[in-house]
């Protein structure tokens, strides 16, 4: 299902929104990794998925989206998995760590909300540290909804250099989280310069 819908999404975005992806070569090829991106609307999820095709991303999604069985089944077919954002526990970490150790790509929006000014949460660094995989920061700029897509608003995605994660203790965890935040904001600034 992921590959099929991915091809359809790629065609739609190609027709309506020119999509530009910079630094694809930064993506690790021999290990699982987390791709951490800013989150400004649902289209960034689709855009990021299309940008990495034919490779597939397993996205973390808030558990509320899985309440209805048909929706849950559809999301699961697209490699999404539920996370309890209000009460994150071991179950919230177990699934992504397993996926990463199996060599998969896990997509996380560290701000946890569709707001590019939201503070970065430390879940991405915690998961990467446990799975012993890198985090690849990236930034998205473009349409946030179908209306913007139909207006042919361009999509820009910049992929940063992989961050090696090896931390001990809360202080180092917070330092790495801050570094990730700065890297994503730096990439957002680069996107602004590209748009100009």
N, C-alpha and C. Protein backbone atom coordinates (compact mmCIF):
# COMPACT_ATOMS: atom_id res chain seq x y z
N UNK A 1 0.83 -1.21 0.00
CA UNK A 1 0.00 0.00 0.00
C UNK A 1 0.86 1.26 0.00
N UNK A 2 1.94 1.25 0.80
CA UNK A 2 2.81 2.42 0.90
C UNK A 2 3.39 2.80 -0.47
N UNK A 3 3.94 1.81 -1.17
CA UNK A 3 4.57 2.06 -2.48
C UNK A 3 3.53 2.56 -3.49
N UNK A 4 2.36 1.92 -3.48
CA UNK A 4 1.30 2.29 -4.43
C UNK A 4 0.84 3.73 -4.21
N UNK A 5 0.49 4.06 -2.96
CA UNK A 5 0.03 5.42 -2.67
C UNK A 5 1.16 6.43 -2.79
N UNK A 6 2.38 5.98 -2.51
CA UNK A 6 3.53 6.86 -2.66
C UNK A 6 3.70 7.32 -4.10
N UNK A 7 3.50 6.40 -5.04
CA UNK A 7 3.61 6.74 -6.46
C UNK A 7 2.52 7.71 -6.88
N UNK A 8 1.31 7.50 -6.35
CA UNK A 8 0.20 8.41 -6.66
C UNK A 8 0.49 9.80 -6.09
N UNK A 9 0.96 9.84 -4.84
CA UNK A 9 1.28 11.13 -4.21
C UNK A 9 2.40 11.83 -4.96
N UNK A 10 3.40 11.08 -5.40
CA UNK A 10 4.51 11.66 -6.15
C UNK A 10 4.02 12.29 -7.44
N UNK A 11 3.07 11.59 -8.12
CA UNK A 11 2.51 12.12 -9.37
C UNK A 11 1.74 13.41 -9.12
N UNK A 12 0.91 13.41 -8.05
CA UNK A 12 0.11 14.59 -7.73
C UNK A 12 1.00 15.78 -7.40
N UNK A 13 2.01 15.55 -6.58
CA UNK A 13 2.90 16.65 -6.20
C UNK A 13 3.73 17.14 -7.38
N UNK A 14 4.06 16.22 -8.29
CA UNK A 14 4.81 16.61 -9.48
C UNK A 14 3.97 17.50 -10.39
N UNK A 15 2.68 17.19 -10.48
CA UNK A 15 1.77 17.96 -11.33
C UNK A 15 1.47 19.33 -10.74
N UNK A 16 1.18 19.35 -9.42
CA UNK A 16 0.72 20.60 -8.80
C UNK A 16 1.81 21.37 -8.04
N UNK A 17 2.73 20.70 -7.42
CA UNK A 17 3.75 21.39 -6.62
C UNK A 17 5.13 20.86 -6.99
N UNK A 18 5.92 21.72 -7.56
CA UNK A 18 7.29 21.30 -7.88
C UNK A 18 8.01 20.99 -6.56
N UNK A 19 8.56 19.79 -6.46
CA UNK A 19 9.21 19.39 -5.22
C UNK A 19 10.73 19.34 -5.44
N UNK A 20 11.45 20.07 -4.61
CA UNK A 20 12.91 20.10 -4.68
C UNK A 20 13.48 19.52 -3.40
N UNK A 21 14.36 18.53 -3.56
CA UNK A 21 14.99 17.88 -2.40
C UNK A 21 16.49 18.10 -2.49
N UNK A 22 17.04 18.69 -1.47
CA UNK A 22 18.48 19.00 -1.46
C UNK A 22 19.21 18.08 -0.47
N UNK A 23 20.36 17.58 -0.90
CA UNK A 23 21.27 16.76 -0.05
C UNK A 23 20.75 15.37 0.26
N UNK A 24 20.13 14.72 -0.72
CA UNK A 24 19.68 13.34 -0.52
C UNK A 24 20.84 12.40 -0.18
N UNK A 25 22.02 12.76 -0.63
CA UNK A 25 23.20 11.92 -0.37
C UNK A 25 23.56 11.86 1.11
N UNK A 26 22.98 12.74 1.91
CA UNK A 26 23.25 12.72 3.35
C UNK A 26 22.59 11.55 4.07
N UNK A 27 21.64 10.91 3.42
CA UNK A 27 20.91 9.81 4.06
C UNK A 27 21.79 8.56 4.18
N UNK A 28 21.91 8.00 5.38
CA UNK A 28 22.69 6.77 5.56
C UNK A 28 22.12 5.63 4.72
N UNK A 29 22.99 4.82 4.16
CA UNK A 29 22.54 3.72 3.31
C UNK A 29 22.70 2.36 3.96
N UNK A 30 23.48 2.28 5.02
CA UNK A 30 23.81 0.97 5.59
C UNK A 30 23.28 0.78 7.01
N UNK A 31 22.35 1.62 7.43
CA UNK A 31 21.81 1.50 8.78
C UNK A 31 20.44 2.13 8.87
N UNK A 32 19.67 1.73 9.86
CA UNK A 32 18.42 2.42 10.13
C UNK A 32 18.74 3.80 10.68
N UNK A 33 17.80 4.73 10.57
CA UNK A 33 18.03 6.06 11.11
C UNK A 33 16.70 6.77 11.34
N UNK A 34 16.77 7.80 12.16
CA UNK A 34 15.61 8.65 12.39
C UNK A 34 15.74 9.87 11.49
N UNK A 35 14.67 10.22 10.81
CA UNK A 35 14.66 11.48 10.07
C UNK A 35 13.75 12.41 10.87
N UNK A 36 14.31 13.52 11.32
CA UNK A 36 13.60 14.45 12.20
C UNK A 36 13.36 15.75 11.47
N UNK A 37 12.10 16.11 11.34
CA UNK A 37 11.72 17.26 10.52
C UNK A 37 10.79 18.21 11.27
N UNK A 38 10.79 19.48 10.85
CA UNK A 38 9.80 20.42 11.38
C UNK A 38 8.42 20.01 10.86
N UNK A 39 7.38 20.45 11.54
CA UNK A 39 6.02 20.00 11.20
C UNK A 39 5.10 21.20 11.13
N UNK A 40 4.64 21.53 9.89
CA UNK A 40 3.79 22.71 9.73
C UNK A 40 2.41 22.36 9.16
N UNK A 41 2.19 21.12 8.78
CA UNK A 41 0.90 20.71 8.23
C UNK A 41 1.00 19.28 7.72
N UNK A 42 -0.13 18.65 7.38
CA UNK A 42 -0.09 17.24 7.01
C UNK A 42 0.64 16.98 5.70
N UNK A 43 0.76 17.99 4.84
CA UNK A 43 1.41 17.78 3.54
C UNK A 43 2.91 17.51 3.70
N UNK A 44 3.52 18.01 4.80
CA UNK A 44 4.95 17.75 4.99
C UNK A 44 5.22 16.26 5.18
N UNK A 45 4.25 15.53 5.75
CA UNK A 45 4.39 14.08 5.92
C UNK A 45 4.43 13.41 4.55
N UNK A 46 3.51 13.81 3.68
CA UNK A 46 3.45 13.26 2.32
C UNK A 46 4.70 13.65 1.54
N UNK A 47 5.08 14.93 1.64
CA UNK A 47 6.25 15.41 0.91
C UNK A 47 7.52 14.68 1.30
N UNK A 48 7.69 14.46 2.59
CA UNK A 48 8.87 13.77 3.09
C UNK A 48 8.88 12.31 2.62
N UNK A 49 7.70 11.69 2.66
CA UNK A 49 7.59 10.31 2.18
C UNK A 49 7.94 10.20 0.71
N UNK A 50 7.45 11.13 -0.10
CA UNK A 50 7.73 11.13 -1.54
C UNK A 50 9.22 11.40 -1.80
N UNK A 51 9.80 12.29 -1.03
CA UNK A 51 11.21 12.66 -1.21
C UNK A 51 12.15 11.48 -1.04
N UNK A 52 11.79 10.53 -0.16
CA UNK A 52 12.68 9.41 0.13
C UNK A 52 12.37 8.14 -0.67
N UNK A 53 11.30 8.17 -1.48
CA UNK A 53 10.97 7.00 -2.29
C UNK A 53 12.17 6.56 -3.13
N UNK A 54 12.40 5.27 -3.32
CA UNK A 54 11.53 4.13 -2.96
C UNK A 54 11.69 3.66 -1.51
N UNK A 55 12.56 4.31 -0.75
CA UNK A 55 12.70 3.92 0.66
C UNK A 55 11.46 4.36 1.42
N UNK A 56 11.07 3.57 2.40
CA UNK A 56 9.84 3.83 3.15
C UNK A 56 10.14 4.34 4.55
N UNK A 57 9.28 5.24 5.01
CA UNK A 57 9.42 5.81 6.35
C UNK A 57 8.31 5.27 7.24
N UNK A 58 8.67 4.92 8.46
CA UNK A 58 7.69 4.52 9.48
C UNK A 58 7.45 5.73 10.38
N UNK A 59 6.30 6.35 10.23
CA UNK A 59 6.02 7.58 10.96
C UNK A 59 5.36 7.31 12.32
N UNK A 60 5.83 8.04 13.33
CA UNK A 60 5.15 8.04 14.62
C UNK A 60 3.92 8.94 14.49
N UNK A 61 2.79 8.49 15.00
CA UNK A 61 1.55 9.28 14.92
C UNK A 61 0.83 9.23 16.26
N UNK A 62 0.15 10.30 16.61
CA UNK A 62 -0.55 10.33 17.90
C UNK A 62 -1.63 9.26 17.93
N UNK A 63 -1.76 8.62 19.08
CA UNK A 63 -2.65 7.46 19.21
C UNK A 63 -4.12 7.79 18.95
N UNK A 64 -4.49 9.06 19.12
CA UNK A 64 -5.88 9.46 18.90
C UNK A 64 -6.33 9.17 17.46
N UNK A 65 -5.38 9.18 16.52
CA UNK A 65 -5.72 8.93 15.12
C UNK A 65 -6.11 7.47 14.86
N UNK A 66 -5.79 6.59 15.82
CA UNK A 66 -6.02 5.16 15.64
C UNK A 66 -7.29 4.67 16.34
N UNK A 67 -8.12 5.59 16.82
CA UNK A 67 -9.32 5.20 17.56
C UNK A 67 -10.31 4.44 16.69
N UNK A 68 -10.49 4.85 15.45
CA UNK A 68 -11.43 4.18 14.56
C UNK A 68 -10.70 3.09 13.76
N UNK A 69 -11.26 1.91 13.76
CA UNK A 69 -10.60 0.76 13.15
C UNK A 69 -10.24 0.95 11.67
N UNK A 70 -11.17 1.49 10.84
CA UNK A 70 -10.82 1.68 9.42
C UNK A 70 -9.62 2.63 9.25
N UNK A 71 -9.62 3.70 10.04
CA UNK A 71 -8.52 4.67 9.96
C UNK A 71 -7.23 4.04 10.46
N UNK A 72 -7.33 3.31 11.57
CA UNK A 72 -6.16 2.64 12.14
C UNK A 72 -5.56 1.64 11.14
N UNK A 73 -6.43 0.90 10.46
CA UNK A 73 -5.98 -0.08 9.47
C UNK A 73 -5.27 0.61 8.31
N UNK A 74 -5.83 1.73 7.88
CA UNK A 74 -5.24 2.49 6.77
C UNK A 74 -3.88 3.05 7.16
N UNK A 75 -3.80 3.66 8.34
CA UNK A 75 -2.55 4.24 8.80
C UNK A 75 -1.47 3.17 8.98
N UNK A 76 -1.86 2.02 9.51
CA UNK A 76 -0.92 0.93 9.70
C UNK A 76 -0.37 0.44 8.35
N UNK A 77 -1.25 0.43 7.33
CA UNK A 77 -0.82 0.01 5.99
C UNK A 77 0.19 0.98 5.39
N UNK A 78 0.23 2.20 5.95
CA UNK A 78 1.18 3.22 5.50
C UNK A 78 2.40 3.31 6.42
N UNK A 79 2.58 2.27 7.22
CA UNK A 79 3.73 2.16 8.13
C UNK A 79 3.68 3.11 9.33
N UNK A 80 2.53 3.71 9.60
CA UNK A 80 2.42 4.57 10.78
C UNK A 80 2.15 3.71 12.00
N UNK A 81 2.60 4.18 13.15
CA UNK A 81 2.34 3.46 14.40
C UNK A 81 2.00 4.46 15.50
N UNK A 82 1.11 4.07 16.43
CA UNK A 82 0.61 5.01 17.43
C UNK A 82 1.57 5.27 18.58
N UNK A 83 1.52 6.50 19.07
CA UNK A 83 2.33 6.91 20.22
C UNK A 83 1.46 7.75 21.14
N UNK A 84 1.54 7.48 22.42
CA UNK A 84 0.82 8.27 23.42
C UNK A 84 1.68 9.47 23.79
N UNK A 85 1.34 10.63 23.23
CA UNK A 85 2.16 11.82 23.45
C UNK A 85 2.02 12.39 24.86
N UNK A 86 0.83 12.18 25.46
CA UNK A 86 0.60 12.74 26.80
C UNK A 86 1.29 11.92 27.87
N UNK A 87 1.30 10.60 27.67
CA UNK A 87 1.92 9.71 28.66
C UNK A 87 2.89 8.75 27.97
N UNK A 88 3.97 9.27 27.41
CA UNK A 88 4.92 8.39 26.72
C UNK A 88 5.62 7.45 27.70
N UNK A 89 5.55 6.17 27.41
CA UNK A 89 6.19 5.18 28.28
C UNK A 89 7.08 4.27 27.47
N UNK A 90 7.39 3.11 28.02
CA UNK A 90 8.27 2.17 27.33
C UNK A 90 7.67 1.68 26.02
N UNK A 91 6.34 1.57 25.96
CA UNK A 91 5.69 1.11 24.73
C UNK A 91 5.87 2.10 23.59
N UNK A 92 5.97 3.40 23.93
CA UNK A 92 6.16 4.43 22.91
C UNK A 92 7.55 4.36 22.31
N UNK A 93 8.49 3.79 23.04
CA UNK A 93 9.88 3.71 22.60
C UNK A 93 10.20 2.35 21.98
N UNK A 94 9.52 1.32 22.47
CA UNK A 94 9.82 -0.05 22.05
C UNK A 94 9.66 -0.26 20.55
N UNK A 95 8.55 0.20 19.99
CA UNK A 95 8.28 0.00 18.56
C UNK A 95 9.32 0.68 17.67
N UNK A 96 9.56 1.99 17.83
CA UNK A 96 10.56 2.62 16.95
C UNK A 96 11.97 2.06 17.12
N UNK A 97 12.35 1.70 18.33
CA UNK A 97 13.69 1.13 18.55
C UNK A 97 13.82 -0.19 17.78
N UNK A 98 12.78 -1.00 17.84
CA UNK A 98 12.78 -2.28 17.12
C UNK A 98 12.90 -2.05 15.61
N UNK A 99 12.12 -1.11 15.09
CA UNK A 99 12.15 -0.80 13.66
C UNK A 99 13.53 -0.33 13.22
N UNK A 100 14.13 0.51 14.03
CA UNK A 100 15.46 1.07 13.70
C UNK A 100 16.53 -0.01 13.72
N UNK A 101 16.46 -0.89 14.70
CA UNK A 101 17.45 -1.97 14.79
C UNK A 101 17.32 -2.95 13.63
N UNK A 102 16.13 -2.98 13.03
CA UNK A 102 15.90 -3.83 11.86
C UNK A 102 16.36 -3.15 10.57
N UNK A 103 16.87 -1.91 10.69
CA UNK A 103 17.38 -1.20 9.53
C UNK A 103 16.38 -0.29 8.85
N UNK A 104 15.25 -0.02 9.49
CA UNK A 104 14.21 0.83 8.90
C UNK A 104 14.46 2.32 9.19
N UNK A 105 13.68 3.15 8.51
CA UNK A 105 13.71 4.59 8.73
C UNK A 105 12.49 4.97 9.55
N UNK A 106 12.70 5.71 10.62
CA UNK A 106 11.58 6.17 11.46
C UNK A 106 11.49 7.70 11.33
N UNK A 107 10.30 8.17 10.99
CA UNK A 107 10.08 9.60 10.84
C UNK A 107 9.49 10.19 12.11
N UNK A 108 10.13 11.23 12.63
CA UNK A 108 9.66 11.88 13.85
C UNK A 108 9.62 13.38 13.64
N UNK A 109 8.55 13.99 14.09
CA UNK A 109 8.45 15.45 14.12
C UNK A 109 8.68 15.85 15.57
N UNK A 110 9.92 16.19 15.92
CA UNK A 110 10.28 16.38 17.33
C UNK A 110 9.48 17.44 18.07
N UNK A 111 8.96 18.42 17.35
CA UNK A 111 8.17 19.45 18.03
C UNK A 111 6.84 18.88 18.49
N UNK A 112 6.43 17.77 17.87
CA UNK A 112 5.20 17.09 18.30
C UNK A 112 3.93 17.84 17.97
N UNK A 113 4.03 18.86 17.15
CA UNK A 113 2.85 19.66 16.82
C UNK A 113 3.08 20.34 15.49
N UNK A 114 2.01 20.76 14.84
CA UNK A 114 2.15 21.44 13.57
C UNK A 114 2.46 22.92 13.81
N UNK A 115 3.63 23.16 14.33
CA UNK A 115 4.05 24.53 14.66
C UNK A 115 5.56 24.59 14.58
N UNK A 116 6.08 25.34 13.59
CA UNK A 116 7.53 25.34 13.41
C UNK A 116 8.26 26.12 14.50
N UNK A 117 7.52 26.71 15.44
CA UNK A 117 8.17 27.42 16.54
C UNK A 117 8.05 26.66 17.86
N UNK A 118 7.49 25.44 17.82
CA UNK A 118 7.33 24.66 19.04
C UNK A 118 8.68 24.15 19.53
N UNK A 119 8.84 24.00 20.83
CA UNK A 119 10.11 23.50 21.37
C UNK A 119 10.33 22.03 20.97
N UNK A 120 11.59 21.68 20.75
CA UNK A 120 11.93 20.32 20.39
C UNK A 120 11.88 19.42 21.62
N UNK A 121 11.17 18.31 21.50
CA UNK A 121 11.10 17.35 22.60
C UNK A 121 12.25 16.35 22.47
N UNK A 122 12.58 15.65 23.56
CA UNK A 122 13.78 14.81 23.57
C UNK A 122 13.55 13.37 23.17
N UNK A 123 12.34 13.03 22.71
CA UNK A 123 12.04 11.65 22.33
C UNK A 123 12.93 11.12 21.21
N UNK A 124 13.18 11.93 20.18
CA UNK A 124 13.99 11.48 19.04
C UNK A 124 15.39 11.08 19.48
N UNK A 125 15.99 11.90 20.34
CA UNK A 125 17.35 11.61 20.82
C UNK A 125 17.36 10.37 21.71
N UNK A 126 16.35 10.24 22.55
CA UNK A 126 16.24 9.06 23.43
C UNK A 126 16.15 7.78 22.61
N UNK A 127 15.30 7.79 21.59
CA UNK A 127 15.10 6.60 20.75
C UNK A 127 16.36 6.27 19.96
N UNK A 128 16.98 7.30 19.36
CA UNK A 128 18.20 7.08 18.58
C UNK A 128 19.32 6.53 19.47
N UNK A 129 19.38 7.01 20.68
CA UNK A 129 20.42 6.56 21.62
C UNK A 129 20.23 5.09 21.98
N UNK A 130 19.00 4.70 22.21
CA UNK A 130 18.71 3.30 22.56
C UNK A 130 18.93 2.35 21.38
N UNK A 131 18.57 2.84 20.17
CA UNK A 131 18.71 1.99 18.98
C UNK A 131 20.12 2.04 18.39
N UNK A 132 20.93 3.01 18.88
CA UNK A 132 22.30 3.19 18.38
C UNK A 132 22.31 3.49 16.88
N UNK A 133 21.47 4.46 16.50
CA UNK A 133 21.40 4.89 15.10
C UNK A 133 21.51 6.41 15.04
N UNK A 134 21.88 6.96 13.88
CA UNK A 134 21.96 8.41 13.74
C UNK A 134 20.60 9.07 13.56
N UNK A 135 20.58 10.37 13.81
CA UNK A 135 19.41 11.19 13.50
C UNK A 135 19.78 12.08 12.33
N UNK A 136 18.92 12.13 11.33
CA UNK A 136 19.14 13.01 10.19
C UNK A 136 18.15 14.17 10.30
N UNK A 137 18.63 15.37 10.59
CA UNK A 137 17.73 16.52 10.67
C UNK A 137 17.33 16.97 9.27
N UNK A 138 16.12 17.45 9.12
CA UNK A 138 15.73 18.00 7.83
C UNK A 138 14.67 19.07 8.05
N UNK A 139 14.42 19.84 7.01
CA UNK A 139 13.43 20.91 7.10
C UNK A 139 12.55 20.92 5.85
N UNK A 140 11.29 21.25 6.07
CA UNK A 140 10.29 21.29 5.00
C UNK A 140 9.72 22.69 4.88
N UNK A 141 9.50 23.10 3.65
CA UNK A 141 8.80 24.36 3.39
C UNK A 141 7.88 24.13 2.20
N UNK A 142 6.64 24.58 2.32
CA UNK A 142 5.72 24.38 1.20
C UNK A 142 4.28 24.35 1.66
N UNK A 143 3.41 23.73 0.86
CA UNK A 143 1.99 23.69 1.19
C UNK A 143 1.72 22.95 2.51
N UNK A 144 0.71 23.40 3.22
CA UNK A 144 0.33 22.76 4.48
C UNK A 144 -0.99 22.00 4.35
N UNK A 145 -1.72 22.24 3.25
CA UNK A 145 -3.01 21.58 3.05
C UNK A 145 -3.27 21.43 1.55
N UNK A 146 -4.35 20.76 1.20
CA UNK A 146 -4.67 20.48 -0.20
C UNK A 146 -4.90 21.77 -0.99
N UNK A 147 -5.44 22.78 -0.32
CA UNK A 147 -5.69 24.07 -0.99
C UNK A 147 -4.38 24.67 -1.47
N UNK A 148 -3.34 24.61 -0.64
CA UNK A 148 -2.04 25.13 -1.02
C UNK A 148 -1.42 24.32 -2.16
N UNK A 149 -1.66 23.00 -2.14
CA UNK A 149 -1.14 22.14 -3.22
C UNK A 149 -1.76 22.53 -4.54
N UNK A 150 -3.08 22.73 -4.54
CA UNK A 150 -3.79 23.10 -5.77
C UNK A 150 -3.39 24.49 -6.27
N UNK A 151 -2.87 25.32 -5.36
CA UNK A 151 -2.37 26.64 -5.76
C UNK A 151 -0.95 26.56 -6.31
N UNK A 152 -0.44 25.33 -6.41
CA UNK A 152 0.90 25.05 -6.95
C UNK A 152 2.01 25.68 -6.11
N UNK A 153 1.81 25.69 -4.82
CA UNK A 153 2.85 26.17 -3.92
C UNK A 153 4.00 25.18 -3.91
N UNK A 154 5.21 25.66 -4.11
CA UNK A 154 6.38 24.78 -4.23
C UNK A 154 6.76 24.13 -2.90
N UNK A 155 7.33 22.92 -3.03
CA UNK A 155 7.82 22.19 -1.86
C UNK A 155 9.34 22.16 -1.89
N UNK A 156 9.94 22.57 -0.80
CA UNK A 156 11.39 22.48 -0.64
C UNK A 156 11.70 21.63 0.59
N UNK A 157 12.61 20.69 0.42
CA UNK A 157 13.06 19.86 1.53
C UNK A 157 14.59 19.85 1.54
N UNK A 158 15.16 20.16 2.69
CA UNK A 158 16.61 20.11 2.84
C UNK A 158 16.97 19.06 3.88
N UNK A 159 17.89 18.20 3.52
CA UNK A 159 18.34 17.13 4.42
C UNK A 159 19.71 17.50 4.97
N UNK A 160 19.82 17.49 6.28
CA UNK A 160 21.08 17.84 6.93
C UNK A 160 22.01 16.65 7.07
N UNK A 161 23.14 16.88 7.69
CA UNK A 161 24.12 15.81 7.92
C UNK A 161 23.70 14.97 9.13
N UNK A 162 23.90 13.66 9.05
CA UNK A 162 23.53 12.77 10.16
C UNK A 162 24.24 13.14 11.46
N UNK A 163 23.50 13.07 12.55
CA UNK A 163 24.05 13.32 13.87
C UNK A 163 24.28 11.99 14.59
N UNK A 164 25.50 11.76 15.04
CA UNK A 164 25.78 10.56 15.82
C UNK A 164 25.27 10.77 17.24
N UNK A 165 24.54 9.80 17.74
CA UNK A 165 23.94 9.92 19.07
C UNK A 165 24.54 8.90 20.03
N UNK A 166 25.21 9.38 21.03
CA UNK A 166 25.75 8.51 22.09
C UNK A 166 25.81 9.34 23.36
N UNK A 167 24.75 9.25 24.15
CA UNK A 167 24.66 10.11 25.34
C UNK A 167 24.50 9.28 26.61
N UNK A 168 24.96 9.86 27.70
CA UNK A 168 24.81 9.25 29.02
C UNK A 168 24.30 10.31 29.98
N UNK A 169 23.16 10.04 30.56
CA UNK A 169 22.61 10.98 31.52
C UNK A 169 21.73 12.05 30.89
N UNK A 170 20.92 12.67 31.74
CA UNK A 170 19.93 13.65 31.30
C UNK A 170 20.58 14.90 30.70
N UNK A 171 21.71 15.32 31.26
CA UNK A 171 22.35 16.55 30.78
C UNK A 171 22.82 16.40 29.33
N UNK A 172 23.46 15.29 29.02
CA UNK A 172 23.91 15.06 27.65
C UNK A 172 22.73 14.89 26.70
N UNK A 173 21.66 14.27 27.21
CA UNK A 173 20.45 14.09 26.42
C UNK A 173 19.87 15.45 26.03
N UNK A 174 19.81 16.35 26.98
CA UNK A 174 19.29 17.70 26.71
C UNK A 174 20.19 18.47 25.77
N UNK A 175 21.50 18.28 25.90
CA UNK A 175 22.45 18.96 25.02
C UNK A 175 22.27 18.51 23.58
N UNK A 176 22.12 17.19 23.37
CA UNK A 176 21.92 16.67 22.03
C UNK A 176 20.59 17.12 21.45
N UNK A 177 19.56 17.19 22.31
CA UNK A 177 18.25 17.66 21.87
C UNK A 177 18.33 19.11 21.41
N UNK A 178 19.08 19.91 22.16
CA UNK A 178 19.28 21.31 21.79
C UNK A 178 20.04 21.42 20.47
N UNK A 179 21.02 20.55 20.28
CA UNK A 179 21.79 20.54 19.04
C UNK A 179 20.89 20.19 17.85
N UNK A 180 20.01 19.20 18.05
CA UNK A 180 19.07 18.82 17.00
C UNK A 180 18.16 19.98 16.64
N UNK A 181 17.66 20.65 17.66
CA UNK A 181 16.79 21.81 17.45
C UNK A 181 17.49 22.88 16.62
N UNK A 182 18.74 23.15 16.96
CA UNK A 182 19.51 24.17 16.24
C UNK A 182 19.75 23.77 14.78
N UNK A 183 20.01 22.48 14.56
CA UNK A 183 20.25 21.99 13.21
C UNK A 183 19.00 22.13 12.34
N UNK A 184 17.84 21.79 12.91
CA UNK A 184 16.59 21.91 12.15
C UNK A 184 16.29 23.37 11.84
N UNK A 185 16.48 24.26 12.82
CA UNK A 185 16.24 25.69 12.59
C UNK A 185 17.21 26.25 11.55
N UNK A 186 18.44 25.76 11.56
CA UNK A 186 19.44 26.19 10.58
C UNK A 186 18.99 25.81 9.17
N UNK A 187 18.46 24.60 9.03
CA UNK A 187 17.97 24.14 7.73
C UNK A 187 16.75 24.94 7.29
N UNK A 188 15.90 25.30 8.24
CA UNK A 188 14.74 26.14 7.91
C UNK A 188 15.19 27.49 7.36
N UNK A 189 16.26 28.03 7.91
CA UNK A 189 16.83 29.30 7.43
C UNK A 189 17.36 29.13 6.01
N UNK A 190 17.99 27.98 5.74
CA UNK A 190 18.50 27.72 4.40
C UNK A 190 17.37 27.64 3.39
N UNK A 191 16.25 27.09 3.79
CA UNK A 191 15.09 26.99 2.89
C UNK A 191 14.60 28.39 2.51
N UNK A 192 14.59 29.29 3.48
CA UNK A 192 14.15 30.67 3.22
C UNK A 192 15.03 31.31 2.14
N UNK A 193 16.34 31.06 2.22
CA UNK A 193 17.26 31.64 1.25
C UNK A 193 17.05 31.02 -0.15
N UNK A 194 16.69 29.73 -0.18
CA UNK A 194 16.41 29.06 -1.46
C UNK A 194 15.16 29.66 -2.10
N UNK A 195 14.13 29.88 -1.28
CA UNK A 195 12.87 30.43 -1.79
C UNK A 195 13.05 31.81 -2.39
N UNK A 196 14.02 32.57 -1.86
CA UNK A 196 14.27 33.91 -2.37
C UNK A 196 15.01 33.84 -3.71
